[in-house]
Amino acid sequence: MGSACHGTRTTFCRAAGLVPKRPARPVAKGLQTVHEFSIVESILDTLGELAGKNRLARITSVTLTIGRLRQVVPETLRFAFEAASKDTVAHGARLELEFVDIRARCTTCGAKFRVENNYYICGTCNGTSVELTSGDELIIQSVEGEEA
């Protein structure tokens, strides 16, 4: 993990910081949960650990990279983050979201293409054997905070 200090502000970047850490909670029969809340719970767990390791009193900004395959609704994720971060080190933090398109590579001809409308057919050779190259990401890209 790299860091750059600016006075009492510290920025941390985690290029490969896959978020999911907490196992899924069981859901009572007949109830459904919005998956954005479980994503936020995992993010907050990771942010709490990160703040502790780096002696941050408060996290002020978080940037997430999210693949379109995750089917995250930005407004719901922001709401969940705001609600769940109360009484945590990330309370009031700015949440930046960067979305990554679904991209694939045809295993028949090697062409790379952007997947649109769940259409996984190669536009070059009409092949249907494809390999995903992006779109499933869920990464804490950067965190800014104030040192304790």
N, C-alpha and C. Protein backbone atom coordinates (compact mmCIF):
# COMPACT_ATOMS: atom_id res chain seq x y z
N MET A 1 0.86 -1.16 0.00
CA MET A 1 0.00 0.00 0.00
C MET A 1 0.90 1.22 0.00
N GLY A 2 0.68 2.15 -0.91
CA GLY A 2 1.48 3.37 -0.95
C GLY A 2 0.78 4.47 -0.20
N SER A 3 1.57 5.43 0.27
CA SER A 3 0.96 6.56 0.96
C SER A 3 1.72 7.83 0.64
N ALA A 4 1.02 8.92 0.67
CA ALA A 4 1.62 10.23 0.48
C ALA A 4 1.01 11.15 1.52
N CYS A 5 1.84 11.77 2.35
CA CYS A 5 1.33 12.60 3.43
C CYS A 5 1.35 14.06 3.06
N HIS A 6 0.31 14.77 3.41
CA HIS A 6 0.18 16.21 3.18
C HIS A 6 -0.32 16.82 4.48
N GLY A 7 0.59 17.22 5.35
CA GLY A 7 0.17 17.77 6.64
C GLY A 7 -0.51 16.69 7.45
N THR A 8 -1.74 16.94 7.84
CA THR A 8 -2.47 15.94 8.62
C THR A 8 -3.38 15.09 7.74
N ARG A 9 -3.31 15.29 6.42
CA ARG A 9 -4.11 14.48 5.50
C ARG A 9 -3.22 13.39 4.92
N THR A 10 -3.77 12.22 4.80
CA THR A 10 -3.03 11.11 4.23
C THR A 10 -3.89 10.45 3.16
N THR A 11 -3.28 10.10 2.04
CA THR A 11 -3.98 9.42 0.97
C THR A 11 -3.41 8.01 0.83
N PHE A 12 -4.28 7.04 0.72
CA PHE A 12 -3.86 5.66 0.53
C PHE A 12 -4.51 5.11 -0.73
N CYS A 13 -3.77 4.37 -1.51
CA CYS A 13 -4.31 3.75 -2.72
C CYS A 13 -4.16 2.24 -2.60
N ARG A 14 -5.18 1.54 -3.01
CA ARG A 14 -5.15 0.08 -3.00
C ARG A 14 -5.56 -0.41 -4.37
N ALA A 15 -4.60 -0.56 -5.27
CA ALA A 15 -4.90 -0.94 -6.64
C ALA A 15 -5.54 -2.32 -6.73
N ALA A 16 -5.21 -3.21 -5.83
CA ALA A 16 -5.77 -4.56 -5.92
C ALA A 16 -6.58 -4.90 -4.68
N GLY A 17 -7.16 -3.91 -4.03
CA GLY A 17 -7.86 -4.12 -2.77
C GLY A 17 -9.27 -4.62 -2.94
N LEU A 18 -9.44 -5.86 -3.31
CA LEU A 18 -10.77 -6.42 -3.47
C LEU A 18 -11.54 -6.27 -2.17
N VAL A 19 -12.74 -5.78 -2.23
CA VAL A 19 -13.48 -5.40 -1.04
C VAL A 19 -14.10 -6.56 -0.27
N PRO A 20 -14.86 -7.47 -0.91
CA PRO A 20 -15.64 -8.42 -0.12
C PRO A 20 -14.80 -9.15 0.92
N LYS A 21 -15.14 -8.99 2.18
CA LYS A 21 -14.41 -9.60 3.27
C LYS A 21 -15.35 -10.34 4.20
N ARG A 22 -16.46 -9.75 4.47
CA ARG A 22 -17.43 -10.29 5.41
C ARG A 22 -18.31 -11.31 4.70
N PRO A 23 -18.52 -12.48 5.31
CA PRO A 23 -19.43 -13.45 4.69
C PRO A 23 -20.85 -12.89 4.66
N ALA A 24 -21.60 -13.33 3.70
CA ALA A 24 -22.99 -12.86 3.58
C ALA A 24 -23.77 -13.26 4.83
N ARG A 25 -24.61 -12.36 5.28
CA ARG A 25 -25.44 -12.65 6.45
C ARG A 25 -26.67 -13.44 6.01
N PRO A 26 -27.12 -14.37 6.84
CA PRO A 26 -28.34 -15.09 6.48
C PRO A 26 -29.53 -14.13 6.50
N VAL A 27 -30.44 -14.33 5.59
CA VAL A 27 -31.62 -13.47 5.49
C VAL A 27 -32.83 -14.28 5.95
N ALA A 28 -33.66 -13.67 6.79
CA ALA A 28 -34.86 -14.34 7.27
C ALA A 28 -35.74 -14.73 6.09
N LYS A 29 -36.41 -15.83 6.21
CA LYS A 29 -37.27 -16.32 5.14
C LYS A 29 -38.28 -15.26 4.73
N GLY A 30 -38.38 -15.01 3.43
CA GLY A 30 -39.34 -14.06 2.91
C GLY A 30 -38.82 -12.63 2.84
N LEU A 31 -37.65 -12.37 3.42
CA LEU A 31 -37.09 -11.02 3.37
C LEU A 31 -35.99 -10.95 2.34
N GLN A 32 -35.87 -9.81 1.70
CA GLN A 32 -34.79 -9.60 0.75
C GLN A 32 -34.01 -8.38 1.20
N THR A 33 -32.72 -8.38 0.91
CA THR A 33 -31.92 -7.20 1.21
C THR A 33 -31.37 -6.65 -0.09
N VAL A 34 -31.04 -5.39 -0.07
CA VAL A 34 -30.44 -4.75 -1.22
C VAL A 34 -28.95 -5.05 -1.14
N HIS A 35 -28.35 -5.57 -2.20
CA HIS A 35 -26.96 -6.00 -2.11
C HIS A 35 -26.00 -4.84 -1.89
N GLU A 36 -26.41 -3.63 -2.18
CA GLU A 36 -25.55 -2.47 -1.93
C GLU A 36 -25.22 -2.34 -0.44
N PHE A 37 -26.14 -2.73 0.44
CA PHE A 37 -25.88 -2.64 1.88
C PHE A 37 -24.79 -3.62 2.30
N SER A 38 -24.79 -4.83 1.77
CA SER A 38 -23.73 -5.77 2.13
C SER A 38 -22.40 -5.34 1.54
N ILE A 39 -22.42 -4.73 0.37
CA ILE A 39 -21.18 -4.19 -0.21
C ILE A 39 -20.63 -3.11 0.72
N VAL A 40 -21.50 -2.21 1.17
CA VAL A 40 -21.07 -1.12 2.06
C VAL A 40 -20.54 -1.67 3.38
N GLU A 41 -21.16 -2.70 3.94
CA GLU A 41 -20.67 -3.29 5.18
C GLU A 41 -19.24 -3.78 5.02
N SER A 42 -18.96 -4.45 3.91
CA SER A 42 -17.61 -4.93 3.64
C SER A 42 -16.63 -3.78 3.47
N ILE A 43 -17.06 -2.75 2.76
CA ILE A 43 -16.20 -1.57 2.56
C ILE A 43 -15.88 -0.93 3.91
N LEU A 44 -16.89 -0.77 4.75
CA LEU A 44 -16.67 -0.14 6.06
C LEU A 44 -15.76 -0.98 6.95
N ASP A 45 -15.87 -2.30 6.88
CA ASP A 45 -14.94 -3.17 7.62
C ASP A 45 -13.51 -2.91 7.18
N THR A 46 -13.30 -2.86 5.86
CA THR A 46 -11.97 -2.63 5.32
C THR A 46 -11.46 -1.24 5.68
N LEU A 47 -12.33 -0.23 5.60
CA LEU A 47 -11.93 1.14 5.95
C LEU A 47 -11.56 1.24 7.42
N GLY A 48 -12.28 0.55 8.28
CA GLY A 48 -11.96 0.55 9.71
C GLY A 48 -10.58 -0.03 9.97
N GLU A 49 -10.27 -1.15 9.30
CA GLU A 49 -8.94 -1.76 9.44
C GLU A 49 -7.86 -0.83 8.91
N LEU A 50 -8.12 -0.24 7.76
CA LEU A 50 -7.16 0.67 7.14
C LEU A 50 -6.90 1.88 8.03
N ALA A 51 -7.94 2.43 8.61
CA ALA A 51 -7.80 3.59 9.50
C ALA A 51 -6.98 3.22 10.73
N GLY A 52 -7.24 2.05 11.29
CA GLY A 52 -6.49 1.61 12.47
C GLY A 52 -5.01 1.41 12.17
N LYS A 53 -4.71 0.74 11.07
CA LYS A 53 -3.32 0.47 10.70
C LYS A 53 -2.55 1.74 10.40
N ASN A 54 -3.23 2.76 9.90
CA ASN A 54 -2.56 3.98 9.47
C ASN A 54 -2.84 5.17 10.39
N ARG A 55 -3.39 4.88 11.57
CA ARG A 55 -3.66 5.89 12.60
C ARG A 55 -4.46 7.08 12.07
N LEU A 56 -5.54 6.78 11.40
CA LEU A 56 -6.43 7.83 10.91
C LEU A 56 -7.56 8.05 11.91
N ALA A 57 -7.78 9.29 12.27
CA ALA A 57 -8.88 9.62 13.17
C ALA A 57 -10.20 9.64 12.42
N ARG A 58 -10.10 9.99 11.14
CA ARG A 58 -11.32 10.14 10.33
C ARG A 58 -10.98 9.92 8.87
N ILE A 59 -11.87 9.26 8.16
CA ILE A 59 -11.74 9.10 6.71
C ILE A 59 -12.61 10.18 6.07
N THR A 60 -12.03 10.92 5.13
CA THR A 60 -12.74 12.05 4.53
C THR A 60 -13.21 11.77 3.11
N SER A 61 -12.57 10.81 2.43
CA SER A 61 -12.93 10.54 1.04
C SER A 61 -12.59 9.10 0.68
N VAL A 62 -13.48 8.47 -0.09
CA VAL A 62 -13.27 7.10 -0.56
C VAL A 62 -13.63 7.05 -2.04
N THR A 63 -12.74 6.47 -2.84
CA THR A 63 -13.03 6.27 -4.27
C THR A 63 -13.11 4.77 -4.53
N LEU A 64 -14.22 4.35 -5.13
CA LEU A 64 -14.43 2.94 -5.47
C LEU A 64 -14.45 2.77 -6.98
N THR A 65 -13.88 1.67 -7.45
CA THR A 65 -13.99 1.26 -8.85
C THR A 65 -14.92 0.06 -8.87
N ILE A 66 -16.00 0.18 -9.64
CA ILE A 66 -17.04 -0.85 -9.65
C ILE A 66 -17.35 -1.27 -11.08
N GLY A 67 -17.26 -2.56 -11.34
CA GLY A 67 -17.61 -3.09 -12.65
C GLY A 67 -19.11 -3.11 -12.85
N ARG A 68 -19.53 -2.89 -14.07
CA ARG A 68 -20.97 -2.86 -14.39
C ARG A 68 -21.67 -4.20 -14.11
N LEU A 69 -20.91 -5.30 -14.15
CA LEU A 69 -21.52 -6.60 -13.84
C LEU A 69 -22.01 -6.68 -12.40
N ARG A 70 -21.50 -5.84 -11.54
CA ARG A 70 -21.92 -5.83 -10.13
C ARG A 70 -23.34 -5.30 -9.96
N GLN A 71 -23.85 -4.66 -11.00
CA GLN A 71 -25.22 -4.13 -11.01
C GLN A 71 -25.52 -3.26 -9.78
N VAL A 72 -24.57 -2.39 -9.47
CA VAL A 72 -24.72 -1.47 -8.35
C VAL A 72 -25.51 -0.25 -8.80
N VAL A 73 -26.50 0.13 -8.03
CA VAL A 73 -27.26 1.35 -8.29
C VAL A 73 -26.58 2.47 -7.49
N PRO A 74 -25.99 3.46 -8.17
CA PRO A 74 -25.21 4.49 -7.47
C PRO A 74 -25.95 5.16 -6.32
N GLU A 75 -27.20 5.56 -6.55
CA GLU A 75 -27.96 6.26 -5.51
C GLU A 75 -28.18 5.37 -4.29
N THR A 76 -28.42 4.09 -4.53
CA THR A 76 -28.64 3.16 -3.43
C THR A 76 -27.35 2.93 -2.65
N LEU A 77 -26.23 2.82 -3.37
CA LEU A 77 -24.94 2.63 -2.71
C LEU A 77 -24.60 3.86 -1.86
N ARG A 78 -24.83 5.04 -2.40
CA ARG A 78 -24.56 6.28 -1.63
C ARG A 78 -25.44 6.35 -0.38
N PHE A 79 -26.72 6.01 -0.54
CA PHE A 79 -27.63 6.00 0.61
C PHE A 79 -27.16 5.00 1.66
N ALA A 80 -26.81 3.80 1.22
CA ALA A 80 -26.35 2.76 2.14
C ALA A 80 -25.07 3.20 2.85
N PHE A 81 -24.16 3.83 2.12
CA PHE A 81 -22.90 4.29 2.71
C PHE A 81 -23.17 5.35 3.78
N GLU A 82 -24.03 6.29 3.44
CA GLU A 82 -24.35 7.36 4.39
C GLU A 82 -25.01 6.80 5.65
N ALA A 83 -25.95 5.88 5.47
CA ALA A 83 -26.68 5.31 6.61
C ALA A 83 -25.78 4.42 7.47
N ALA A 84 -25.00 3.56 6.82
CA ALA A 84 -24.20 2.58 7.56
C ALA A 84 -22.92 3.17 8.15
N SER A 85 -22.45 4.29 7.63
CA SER A 85 -21.19 4.85 8.11
C SER A 85 -21.34 5.70 9.37
N LYS A 86 -22.58 5.95 9.78
CA LYS A 86 -22.79 6.70 11.03
C LYS A 86 -22.10 5.94 12.16
N ASP A 87 -21.48 6.66 13.07
CA ASP A 87 -20.76 6.07 14.20
C ASP A 87 -19.55 5.24 13.76
N THR A 88 -19.01 5.51 12.57
CA THR A 88 -17.77 4.86 12.13
C THR A 88 -16.76 5.95 11.78
N VAL A 89 -15.55 5.52 11.53
CA VAL A 89 -14.48 6.45 11.16
C VAL A 89 -14.75 7.10 9.80
N ALA A 90 -15.67 6.54 9.02
CA ALA A 90 -15.98 7.07 7.68
C ALA A 90 -17.22 7.96 7.66
N HIS A 91 -17.78 8.27 8.82
CA HIS A 91 -18.98 9.11 8.86
C HIS A 91 -18.71 10.46 8.18
N GLY A 92 -19.56 10.81 7.24
CA GLY A 92 -19.43 12.08 6.52
C GLY A 92 -18.42 12.07 5.39
N ALA A 93 -17.80 10.93 5.12
CA ALA A 93 -16.81 10.85 4.04
C ALA A 93 -17.46 11.03 2.68
N ARG A 94 -16.75 11.67 1.76
CA ARG A 94 -17.21 11.82 0.38
C ARG A 94 -16.97 10.47 -0.33
N LEU A 95 -17.97 10.01 -1.06
CA LEU A 95 -17.89 8.74 -1.77
C LEU A 95 -17.87 9.01 -3.27
N GLU A 96 -16.75 8.66 -3.91
CA GLU A 96 -16.60 8.81 -5.36
C GLU A 96 -16.73 7.43 -5.99
N LEU A 97 -17.50 7.35 -7.07
CA LEU A 97 -17.71 6.07 -7.76
C LEU A 97 -17.21 6.16 -9.19
N GLU A 98 -16.39 5.18 -9.58
CA GLU A 98 -15.91 5.08 -10.96
C GLU A 98 -16.39 3.73 -11.48
N PHE A 99 -17.14 3.76 -12.57
CA PHE A 99 -17.68 2.52 -13.12
C PHE A 99 -16.86 2.04 -14.31
N VAL A 100 -16.70 0.72 -14.40
CA VAL A 100 -15.92 0.08 -15.45
C VAL A 100 -16.88 -0.71 -16.34
N ASP A 101 -16.79 -0.47 -17.64
CA ASP A 101 -17.64 -1.19 -18.59
C ASP A 101 -17.28 -2.67 -18.64
N ILE A 102 -18.23 -3.47 -19.09
CA ILE A 102 -17.99 -4.89 -19.31
C ILE A 102 -17.27 -5.03 -20.64
N ARG A 103 -16.10 -5.66 -20.59
CA ARG A 103 -15.31 -5.87 -21.79
C ARG A 103 -14.97 -7.36 -21.88
N ALA A 104 -14.83 -7.84 -23.10
CA ALA A 104 -14.54 -9.26 -23.31
C ALA A 104 -13.55 -9.43 -24.46
N ARG A 105 -13.00 -10.65 -24.51
CA ARG A 105 -12.10 -11.03 -25.60
C ARG A 105 -12.65 -12.32 -26.19
N CYS A 106 -12.76 -12.34 -27.52
CA CYS A 106 -13.24 -13.52 -28.22
C CYS A 106 -12.13 -14.57 -28.20
N THR A 107 -12.44 -15.78 -27.72
CA THR A 107 -11.42 -16.83 -27.68
C THR A 107 -11.23 -17.49 -29.04
N THR A 108 -12.10 -17.18 -29.99
CA THR A 108 -11.97 -17.73 -31.33
C THR A 108 -11.01 -16.89 -32.17
N CYS A 109 -11.25 -15.57 -32.24
CA CYS A 109 -10.42 -14.72 -33.11
C CYS A 109 -9.52 -13.74 -32.35
N GLY A 110 -9.72 -13.63 -31.03
CA GLY A 110 -8.89 -12.74 -30.23
C GLY A 110 -9.33 -11.29 -30.17
N ALA A 111 -10.41 -10.95 -30.86
CA ALA A 111 -10.89 -9.56 -30.86
C ALA A 111 -11.36 -9.16 -29.46
N LYS A 112 -11.10 -7.91 -29.11
CA LYS A 112 -11.56 -7.36 -27.82
C LYS A 112 -12.72 -6.42 -28.10
N PHE A 113 -13.74 -6.49 -27.24
CA PHE A 113 -14.92 -5.65 -27.48
C PHE A 113 -15.64 -5.32 -26.18
N ARG A 114 -16.43 -4.27 -26.25
CA ARG A 114 -17.26 -3.84 -25.12
C ARG A 114 -18.59 -4.58 -25.21
N VAL A 115 -19.01 -5.15 -24.09
CA VAL A 115 -20.28 -5.88 -24.03
C VAL A 115 -21.39 -4.88 -23.73
N GLU A 116 -22.41 -4.86 -24.58
CA GLU A 116 -23.54 -3.97 -24.37
C GLU A 116 -24.83 -4.78 -24.36
N ASN A 117 -25.73 -4.44 -23.46
CA ASN A 117 -27.04 -5.11 -23.36
C ASN A 117 -26.91 -6.62 -23.20
N ASN A 118 -25.90 -7.05 -22.45
CA ASN A 118 -25.64 -8.48 -22.23
C ASN A 118 -25.50 -9.27 -23.53
N TYR A 119 -24.98 -8.63 -24.55
CA TYR A 119 -24.77 -9.25 -25.86
C TYR A 119 -23.31 -9.70 -25.94
N TYR A 120 -23.06 -10.97 -25.65
CA TYR A 120 -21.70 -11.51 -25.56
C TYR A 120 -21.28 -12.21 -26.84
N ILE A 121 -21.56 -11.60 -27.98
CA ILE A 121 -21.18 -12.18 -29.27
C ILE A 121 -20.15 -11.28 -29.92
N CYS A 122 -19.08 -11.88 -30.40
CA CYS A 122 -18.00 -11.13 -31.04
C CYS A 122 -18.50 -10.46 -32.31
N GLY A 123 -18.26 -9.18 -32.43
CA GLY A 123 -18.67 -8.43 -33.61
C GLY A 123 -17.78 -8.69 -34.82
N THR A 124 -16.61 -9.30 -34.60
CA THR A 124 -15.69 -9.58 -35.70
C THR A 124 -15.99 -10.91 -36.38
N CYS A 125 -16.15 -11.98 -35.57
CA CYS A 125 -16.35 -13.32 -36.16
C CYS A 125 -17.68 -13.96 -35.77
N ASN A 126 -18.50 -13.26 -34.99
CA ASN A 126 -19.76 -13.79 -34.48
C ASN A 126 -19.59 -14.97 -33.52
N GLY A 127 -18.37 -15.11 -32.98
CA GLY A 127 -18.10 -16.18 -32.02
C GLY A 127 -18.82 -15.93 -30.71
N THR A 128 -19.18 -17.03 -30.05
CA THR A 128 -19.88 -16.91 -28.76
C THR A 128 -19.02 -17.38 -27.59
N SER A 129 -17.81 -17.78 -27.88
CA SER A 129 -16.89 -18.20 -26.82
C SER A 129 -16.04 -16.99 -26.44
N VAL A 130 -16.41 -16.35 -25.34
CA VAL A 130 -15.72 -15.13 -24.93
C VAL A 130 -15.21 -15.25 -23.50
N GLU A 131 -14.22 -14.43 -23.21
CA GLU A 131 -13.61 -14.37 -21.89
C GLU A 131 -13.74 -12.94 -21.38
N LEU A 132 -14.29 -12.76 -20.20
CA LEU A 132 -14.43 -11.41 -19.65
C LEU A 132 -13.06 -10.86 -19.28
N THR A 133 -12.81 -9.60 -19.64
CA THR A 133 -11.55 -8.95 -19.29
C THR A 133 -11.76 -7.82 -18.29
N SER A 134 -12.97 -7.32 -18.17
CA SER A 134 -13.28 -6.31 -17.14
C SER A 134 -14.79 -6.23 -16.96
N GLY A 135 -15.16 -5.62 -15.85
CA GLY A 135 -16.58 -5.42 -15.58
C GLY A 135 -17.04 -6.03 -14.27
N ASP A 136 -16.18 -6.85 -13.63
CA ASP A 136 -16.56 -7.50 -12.38
C ASP A 136 -15.82 -6.91 -11.18
N GLU A 137 -15.16 -5.78 -11.37
CA GLU A 137 -14.35 -5.17 -10.33
C GLU A 137 -15.18 -4.64 -9.16
N LEU A 138 -14.58 -4.67 -8.00
CA LEU A 138 -15.10 -4.01 -6.81
C LEU A 138 -13.87 -3.69 -5.96
N ILE A 139 -13.33 -2.49 -6.15
CA ILE A 139 -12.02 -2.14 -5.59
C ILE A 139 -12.09 -0.81 -4.86
N ILE A 140 -11.48 -0.77 -3.69
CA ILE A 140 -11.27 0.52 -3.01
C ILE A 140 -10.03 1.10 -3.68
N GLN A 141 -10.24 2.10 -4.50
CA GLN A 141 -9.16 2.68 -5.29
C GLN A 141 -8.31 3.64 -4.47
N SER A 142 -8.94 4.50 -3.68
CA SER A 142 -8.18 5.42 -2.84
C SER A 142 -9.00 5.84 -1.63
N VAL A 143 -8.26 6.21 -0.59
CA VAL A 143 -8.86 6.65 0.67
C VAL A 143 -8.08 7.86 1.15
N GLU A 144 -8.79 8.89 1.57
CA GLU A 144 -8.15 10.04 2.18
C GLU A 144 -8.68 10.18 3.60
N GLY A 145 -7.80 10.59 4.49
CA GLY A 145 -8.23 10.75 5.87
C GLY A 145 -7.35 11.70 6.64
N GLU A 146 -7.77 11.97 7.85
CA GLU A 146 -7.02 12.84 8.75
C GLU A 146 -6.36 11.99 9.82
N GLU A 147 -5.07 12.25 10.02
CA GLU A 147 -4.32 11.48 11.01
C GLU A 147 -4.77 11.82 12.42
N ALA A 148 -4.67 10.81 13.28
CA ALA A 148 -5.07 10.99 14.69
C ALA A 148 -4.07 11.87 15.42
